[in-house]
């Protein structure tokens, strides 16, 4: 029973996240979104390089 409850909770959490993303996308201008995505990708690249 506890397993089913965990699965259900995970599903609702995902739905909440999707709703939040949609809401943010509606509020945020397109240009700002592109900048954020670009910044995020550069951060990812830096993280990959740093351990080497």
PDB file of N, CA and C in Angstrom:
ATOM      1  N   UNK A   1       0.842  -1.218   0.000  1.00  0.00           N
ATOM      2  CA  UNK A   1       0.000   0.000   0.000  1.00  0.00           C
ATOM      3  C   UNK A   1       0.873   1.263   0.000  1.00  0.00           C
ATOM      4  N   UNK A   2       1.924   1.239   0.791  1.00  0.00           N
ATOM      5  CA  UNK A   2       2.799   2.411   0.854  1.00  0.00           C
ATOM      6  C   UNK A   2       3.455   2.672  -0.508  1.00  0.00           C
ATOM      7  N   UNK A   3       3.764   1.590  -1.259  1.00  0.00           N
ATOM      8  CA  UNK A   3       4.361   1.745  -2.593  1.00  0.00           C
ATOM      9  C   UNK A   3       3.431   2.544  -3.498  1.00  0.00           C
ATOM     10  N   UNK A   4       2.140   2.155  -3.517  1.00  0.00           N
ATOM     11  CA  UNK A   4       1.164   2.855  -4.359  1.00  0.00           C
ATOM     12  C   UNK A   4       1.068   4.329  -3.968  1.00  0.00           C
ATOM     13  N   UNK A   5       1.092   4.597  -2.679  1.00  0.00           N
ATOM     14  CA  UNK A   5       1.011   5.989  -2.219  1.00  0.00           C
ATOM     15  C   UNK A   5       2.204   6.791  -2.740  1.00  0.00           C
ATOM     16  N   UNK A   6       3.395   6.180  -2.684  1.00  0.00           N
ATOM     17  CA  UNK A   6       4.585   6.873  -3.181  1.00  0.00           C
ATOM     18  C   UNK A   6       4.475   7.167  -4.668  1.00  0.00           C
ATOM     19  N   UNK A   7       4.027   6.188  -5.445  1.00  0.00           N
ATOM     20  CA  UNK A   7       3.868   6.393  -6.887  1.00  0.00           C
ATOM     21  C   UNK A   7       2.878   7.532  -7.152  1.00  0.00           C
ATOM     22  N   UNK A   8       1.764   7.525  -6.445  1.00  0.00           N
ATOM     23  CA  UNK A   8       0.751   8.564  -6.638  1.00  0.00           C
ATOM     24  C   UNK A   8       1.343   9.930  -6.294  1.00  0.00           C
ATOM     25  N   UNK A   9       2.086  10.012  -5.209  1.00  0.00           N
ATOM     26  CA  UNK A   9       2.681  11.281  -4.797  1.00  0.00           C
ATOM     27  C   UNK A   9       3.654  11.786  -5.866  1.00  0.00           C
ATOM     28  N   UNK A  10       4.454  10.864  -6.414  1.00  0.00           N
ATOM     29  CA  UNK A  10       5.421  11.248  -7.435  1.00  0.00           C
ATOM     30  C   UNK A  10       4.697  11.835  -8.651  1.00  0.00           C
ATOM     31  N   UNK A  11       3.591  11.176  -9.032  1.00  0.00           N
ATOM     32  CA  UNK A  11       2.827  11.631 -10.200  1.00  0.00           C
ATOM     33  C   UNK A  11       2.276  13.044  -9.960  1.00  0.00           C
ATOM     34  N   UNK A  12       1.676  13.271  -8.809  1.00  0.00           N
ATOM     35  CA  UNK A  12       1.111  14.587  -8.525  1.00  0.00           C
ATOM     36  C   UNK A  12       2.230  15.631  -8.492  1.00  0.00           C
ATOM     37  N   UNK A  13       3.385  15.277  -7.942  1.00  0.00           N
ATOM     38  CA  UNK A  13       4.512  16.205  -7.888  1.00  0.00           C
ATOM     39  C   UNK A  13       4.927  16.603  -9.303  1.00  0.00           C
ATOM     40  N   UNK A  14       4.979  15.621 -10.197  1.00  0.00           N
ATOM     41  CA  UNK A  14       5.356  15.900 -11.585  1.00  0.00           C
ATOM     42  C   UNK A  14       4.332  16.829 -12.226  1.00  0.00           C
ATOM     43  N   UNK A  15       3.049  16.568 -11.981  1.00  0.00           N
ATOM     44  CA  UNK A  15       1.999  17.422 -12.540  1.00  0.00           C
ATOM     45  C   UNK A  15       2.162  18.858 -12.044  1.00  0.00           C
ATOM     46  N   UNK A  16       2.461  19.011 -10.770  1.00  0.00           N
ATOM     47  CA  UNK A  16       2.655  20.353 -10.201  1.00  0.00           C
ATOM     48  C   UNK A  16       3.829  21.048 -10.890  1.00  0.00           C
ATOM     49  N   UNK A  17       4.919  20.298 -11.103  1.00  0.00           N
ATOM     50  CA  UNK A  17       6.089  20.881 -11.764  1.00  0.00           C
ATOM     51  C   UNK A  17       5.751  21.325 -13.173  1.00  0.00           C
ATOM     52  N   UNK A  18       5.004  20.476 -13.901  1.00  0.00           N
ATOM     53  CA  UNK A  18       4.609  20.832 -15.276  1.00  0.00           C
ATOM     54  C   UNK A  18       3.774  22.113 -15.272  1.00  0.00           C
ATOM     55  N   UNK A  19       2.843  22.206 -14.331  1.00  0.00           N
ATOM     56  CA  UNK A  19       1.998  23.408 -14.236  1.00  0.00           C
ATOM     57  C   UNK A  19       2.850  24.643 -13.952  1.00  0.00           C
ATOM     58  N   UNK A  20       3.806  24.479 -13.055  1.00  0.00           N
ATOM     59  CA  UNK A  20       4.682  25.598 -12.710  1.00  0.00           C
ATOM     60  C   UNK A  20       5.478  26.052 -13.933  1.00  0.00           C
ATOM     61  N   UNK A  21       5.974  25.086 -14.714  1.00  0.00           N
ATOM     62  CA  UNK A  21       6.738  25.426 -15.916  1.00  0.00           C
ATOM     63  C   UNK A  21       5.874  26.199 -16.899  1.00  0.00           C
ATOM     64  N   UNK A  22       4.638  25.718 -17.112  1.00  0.00           N
ATOM     65  CA  UNK A  22       3.724  26.409 -18.028  1.00  0.00           C
ATOM     66  C   UNK A  22       3.482  27.839 -17.545  1.00  0.00           C
ATOM     67  N   UNK A  23       3.256  27.997 -16.250  1.00  0.00           N
ATOM     68  CA  UNK A  23       2.972  29.317 -15.692  1.00  0.00           C
ATOM     69  C   UNK A  23       4.163  30.249 -15.894  1.00  0.00           C
ATOM     70  N   UNK A  24       5.354  29.729 -15.623  1.00  0.00           N
ATOM     71  CA  UNK A  24       6.560  30.545 -15.789  1.00  0.00           C
ATOM     72  C   UNK A  24       6.725  30.945 -17.245  1.00  0.00           C
ATOM     73  N   UNK A  25       6.470  29.989 -18.147  1.00  0.00           N
ATOM     74  CA  UNK A  25       6.635  30.253 -19.577  1.00  0.00           C
ATOM     75  C   UNK A  25       5.682  31.362 -20.025  1.00  0.00           C
ATOM     76  N   UNK A  26       4.460  31.350 -19.476  1.00  0.00           N
ATOM     77  CA  UNK A  26       3.486  32.377 -19.844  1.00  0.00           C
ATOM     78  C   UNK A  26       3.932  33.751 -19.338  1.00  0.00           C
ATOM     79  N   UNK A  27       4.456  33.799 -18.126  1.00  0.00           N
ATOM     80  CA  UNK A  27       4.820  35.077 -17.515  1.00  0.00           C
ATOM     81  C   UNK A  27       6.118  35.640 -18.094  1.00  0.00           C
ATOM     82  N   UNK A  28       7.058  34.762 -18.409  1.00  0.00           N
ATOM     83  CA  UNK A  28       8.391  35.207 -18.801  1.00  0.00           C
ATOM     84  C   UNK A  28       8.440  35.522 -20.296  1.00  0.00           C
ATOM     85  N   UNK A  29       9.084  36.629 -20.696  1.00  0.00           N
ATOM     86  CA  UNK A  29       9.233  36.922 -22.120  1.00  0.00           C
ATOM     87  C   UNK A  29      10.177  35.932 -22.801  1.00  0.00           C
ATOM     88  N   UNK A  30      10.003  35.775 -24.114  1.00  0.00           N
ATOM     89  CA  UNK A  30      10.775  34.781 -24.884  1.00  0.00           C
ATOM     90  C   UNK A  30      12.275  35.069 -24.823  1.00  0.00           C
ATOM     91  N   UNK A  31      12.659  36.333 -24.956  1.00  0.00           N
ATOM     92  CA  UNK A  31      14.083  36.705 -25.002  1.00  0.00           C
ATOM     93  C   UNK A  31      14.758  36.293 -23.682  1.00  0.00           C
ATOM     94  N   UNK A  32      14.087  36.618 -22.576  1.00  0.00           N
ATOM     95  CA  UNK A  32      14.630  36.274 -21.265  1.00  0.00           C
ATOM     96  C   UNK A  32      14.820  34.766 -21.152  1.00  0.00           C
ATOM     97  N   UNK A  33      13.857  33.994 -21.676  1.00  0.00           N
ATOM     98  CA  UNK A  33      13.930  32.541 -21.619  1.00  0.00           C
ATOM     99  C   UNK A  33      15.177  32.047 -22.351  1.00  0.00           C
ATOM    100  N   UNK A  34      15.434  32.602 -23.541  1.00  0.00           N
ATOM    101  CA  UNK A  34      16.609  32.208 -24.328  1.00  0.00           C
ATOM    102  C   UNK A  34      17.889  32.472 -23.549  1.00  0.00           C
ATOM    103  N   UNK A  35      17.969  33.641 -22.908  1.00  0.00           N
ATOM    104  CA  UNK A  35      19.152  34.000 -22.124  1.00  0.00           C
ATOM    105  C   UNK A  35      19.351  32.978 -21.000  1.00  0.00           C
ATOM    106  N   UNK A  36      18.263  32.639 -20.315  1.00  0.00           N
ATOM    107  CA  UNK A  36      18.347  31.682 -19.210  1.00  0.00           C
ATOM    108  C   UNK A  36      18.841  30.327 -19.715  1.00  0.00           C
ATOM    109  N   UNK A  37      18.288  29.873 -20.841  1.00  0.00           N
ATOM    110  CA  UNK A  37      18.691  28.580 -21.403  1.00  0.00           C
ATOM    111  C   UNK A  37      20.166  28.625 -21.781  1.00  0.00           C
ATOM    112  N   UNK A  38      20.610  29.717 -22.400  1.00  0.00           N
ATOM    113  CA  UNK A  38      22.009  29.852 -22.817  1.00  0.00           C
ATOM    114  C   UNK A  38      22.917  29.815 -21.591  1.00  0.00           C
ATOM    115  N   UNK A  39      22.558  30.568 -20.565  1.00  0.00           N
ATOM    116  CA  UNK A  39      23.349  30.604 -19.335  1.00  0.00           C
ATOM    117  C   UNK A  39      23.432  29.218 -18.718  1.00  0.00           C
ATOM    118  N   UNK A  40      22.292  28.512 -18.691  1.00  0.00           N
ATOM    119  CA  UNK A  40      22.239  27.174 -18.094  1.00  0.00           C
ATOM    120  C   UNK A  40      23.175  26.226 -18.842  1.00  0.00           C
ATOM    121  N   UNK A  41      23.173  26.296 -20.179  1.00  0.00           N
ATOM    122  CA  UNK A  41      24.009  25.388 -20.976  1.00  0.00           C
ATOM    123  C   UNK A  41      25.487  25.689 -20.735  1.00  0.00           C
ATOM    124  N   UNK A  42      25.860  26.964 -20.612  1.00  0.00           N
ATOM    125  CA  UNK A  42      27.260  27.308 -20.367  1.00  0.00           C
ATOM    126  C   UNK A  42      27.680  26.817 -18.986  1.00  0.00           C
ATOM    127  N   UNK A  43      26.802  26.939 -18.015  1.00  0.00           N
ATOM    128  CA  UNK A  43      27.099  26.450 -16.659  1.00  0.00           C
ATOM    129  C   UNK A  43      27.348  24.947 -16.688  1.00  0.00           C
ATOM    130  N   UNK A  44      26.495  24.221 -17.436  1.00  0.00           N
ATOM    131  CA  UNK A  44      26.655  22.769 -17.559  1.00  0.00           C
ATOM    132  C   UNK A  44      28.022  22.435 -18.143  1.00  0.00           C
ATOM    133  N   UNK A  45      28.417  23.143 -19.198  1.00  0.00           N
ATOM    134  CA  UNK A  45      29.702  22.889 -19.852  1.00  0.00           C
ATOM    135  C   UNK A  45      30.853  23.138 -18.869  1.00  0.00           C
ATOM    136  N   UNK A  46      30.770  24.227 -18.122  1.00  0.00           N
ATOM    137  CA  UNK A  46      31.820  24.538 -17.152  1.00  0.00           C
ATOM    138  C   UNK A  46      31.930  23.447 -16.089  1.00  0.00           C
ATOM    139  N   UNK A  47      30.789  22.931 -15.633  1.00  0.00           N
ATOM    140  CA  UNK A  47      30.793  21.872 -14.625  1.00  0.00           C
ATOM    141  C   UNK A  47      31.472  20.614 -15.164  1.00  0.00           C
ATOM    142  N   UNK A  48      31.230  20.308 -16.452  1.00  0.00           N
ATOM    143  CA  UNK A  48      31.845  19.120 -17.053  1.00  0.00           C
ATOM    144  C   UNK A  48      33.360  19.287 -17.129  1.00  0.00           C
ATOM    145  N   UNK A  49      33.827  20.493 -17.456  1.00  0.00           N
ATOM    146  CA  UNK A  49      35.264  20.737 -17.615  1.00  0.00           C
ATOM    147  C   UNK A  49      35.992  20.792 -16.269  1.00  0.00           C
ATOM    148  N   UNK A  50      35.343  21.321 -15.248  1.00  0.00           N
ATOM    149  CA  UNK A  50      36.030  21.587 -13.980  1.00  0.00           C
ATOM    150  C   UNK A  50      36.753  20.378 -13.355  1.00  0.00           C
ATOM    151  N   UNK A  51      36.185  19.149 -13.350  1.00  0.00           N
ATOM    152  CA  UNK A  51      36.909  18.045 -12.713  1.00  0.00           C
ATOM    153  C   UNK A  51      38.203  17.665 -13.439  1.00  0.00           C
ATOM    154  N   UNK A  52      38.299  17.921 -14.751  1.00  0.00           N
ATOM    155  CA  UNK A  52      39.456  17.459 -15.526  1.00  0.00           C
ATOM    156  C   UNK A  52      40.723  18.258 -15.242  1.00  0.00           C
TER     157      UNK A  52
END
